[in-house]
């Protein structure tokens, strides 16, 4: 039982760390102007998706 709780806590920590990283990345991209986003191949509406899922043809 304790081992299961420990694994769940580790998974929660990983999820929280990934969520914080994604939030920072999204904030950085939202700070860019339209031209800079276009240079990256993004539009404002695609920022959240690109942060969560990446973009086609781009290796993470």
C-alpha atoms as a PDB file:
ATOM      1  CA  UNK A   1       0.000   0.000   0.000  1.00  0.00           C
ATOM      2  CA  UNK A   2       2.761   2.464   0.955  1.00  0.00           C
ATOM      3  CA  UNK A   3       4.669   1.601  -2.227  1.00  0.00           C
ATOM      4  CA  UNK A   4       1.584   2.330  -4.316  1.00  0.00           C
ATOM      5  CA  UNK A   5       1.085   5.703  -2.629  1.00  0.00           C
ATOM      6  CA  UNK A   6       4.761   6.514  -3.159  1.00  0.00           C
ATOM      7  CA  UNK A   7       4.466   5.750  -6.879  1.00  0.00           C
ATOM      8  CA  UNK A   8       1.337   7.868  -7.135  1.00  0.00           C
ATOM      9  CA  UNK A   9       3.068  10.782  -5.385  1.00  0.00           C
ATOM     10  CA  UNK A  10       6.029  10.499  -7.769  1.00  0.00           C
ATOM     11  CA  UNK A  11       3.658  10.507 -10.744  1.00  0.00           C
ATOM     12  CA  UNK A  12       1.884  13.566  -9.338  1.00  0.00           C
ATOM     13  CA  UNK A  13       5.210  15.383  -8.887  1.00  0.00           C
ATOM     14  CA  UNK A  14       6.212  14.583 -12.484  1.00  0.00           C
ATOM     15  CA  UNK A  15       2.837  15.768 -13.766  1.00  0.00           C
ATOM     16  CA  UNK A  16       3.081  19.020 -11.771  1.00  0.00           C
ATOM     17  CA  UNK A  17       6.633  19.652 -13.006  1.00  0.00           C
ATOM     18  CA  UNK A  18       5.553  19.065 -16.619  1.00  0.00           C
ATOM     19  CA  UNK A  19       2.530  21.336 -16.170  1.00  0.00           C
ATOM     20  CA  UNK A  20       4.756  24.115 -14.783  1.00  0.00           C
ATOM     21  CA  UNK A  21       7.202  23.705 -17.673  1.00  0.00           C
ATOM     22  CA  UNK A  22       4.363  23.845 -20.210  1.00  0.00           C
ATOM     23  CA  UNK A  23       2.914  26.917 -18.516  1.00  0.00           C
ATOM     24  CA  UNK A  24       6.270  28.733 -18.743  1.00  0.00           C
ATOM     25  CA  UNK A  25       6.698  27.746 -22.402  1.00  0.00           C
ATOM     26  CA  UNK A  26       3.202  28.923 -23.245  1.00  0.00           C
ATOM     27  CA  UNK A  27       3.799  32.265 -21.468  1.00  0.00           C
ATOM     28  CA  UNK A  28       7.040  32.762 -23.415  1.00  0.00           C
ATOM     29  CA  UNK A  29       5.307  32.101 -26.719  1.00  0.00           C
ATOM     30  CA  UNK A  30       2.362  34.368 -25.853  1.00  0.00           C
ATOM     31  CA  UNK A  31       4.868  37.175 -25.218  1.00  0.00           C
ATOM     32  CA  UNK A  32       6.041  37.024 -28.854  1.00  0.00           C
ATOM     33  CA  UNK A  33       4.504  39.275 -31.487  1.00  0.00           C
ATOM     34  CA  UNK A  34       2.686  37.979 -34.567  1.00  0.00           C
ATOM     35  CA  UNK A  35       5.748  38.206 -36.817  1.00  0.00           C
ATOM     36  CA  UNK A  36       7.916  36.204 -34.428  1.00  0.00           C
ATOM     37  CA  UNK A  37       5.214  33.562 -34.067  1.00  0.00           C
ATOM     38  CA  UNK A  38       4.857  33.372 -37.862  1.00  0.00           C
ATOM     39  CA  UNK A  39       8.636  32.879 -38.141  1.00  0.00           C
ATOM     40  CA  UNK A  40       8.200  29.852 -35.863  1.00  0.00           C
ATOM     41  CA  UNK A  41       5.300  28.595 -37.965  1.00  0.00           C
ATOM     42  CA  UNK A  42       2.729  29.302 -35.268  1.00  0.00           C
ATOM     43  CA  UNK A  43      -0.373  31.379 -34.897  1.00  0.00           C
ATOM     44  CA  UNK A  44      -1.746  32.662 -31.624  1.00  0.00           C
ATOM     45  CA  UNK A  45      -4.451  30.002 -31.635  1.00  0.00           C
ATOM     46  CA  UNK A  46      -1.924  27.186 -31.994  1.00  0.00           C
ATOM     47  CA  UNK A  47       0.296  28.047 -29.042  1.00  0.00           C
ATOM     48  CA  UNK A  48      -1.367  25.815 -26.437  1.00  0.00           C
ATOM     49  CA  UNK A  49      -1.518  22.884 -28.851  1.00  0.00           C
ATOM     50  CA  UNK A  50       2.125  23.317 -29.886  1.00  0.00           C
ATOM     51  CA  UNK A  51       3.234  23.387 -26.249  1.00  0.00           C
ATOM     52  CA  UNK A  52       1.229  20.284 -25.330  1.00  0.00           C
ATOM     53  CA  UNK A  53       1.719  18.212 -28.489  1.00  0.00           C
ATOM     54  CA  UNK A  54       4.617  19.718 -30.434  1.00  0.00           C
ATOM     55  CA  UNK A  55       4.494  20.449 -34.140  1.00  0.00           C
ATOM     56  CA  UNK A  56       4.602  18.154 -37.141  1.00  0.00           C
ATOM     57  CA  UNK A  57       8.138  17.487 -38.318  1.00  0.00           C
ATOM     58  CA  UNK A  58       9.773  18.977 -35.225  1.00  0.00           C
ATOM     59  CA  UNK A  59      11.659  16.630 -32.915  1.00  0.00           C
ATOM     60  CA  UNK A  60      11.325  17.442 -29.213  1.00  0.00           C
END
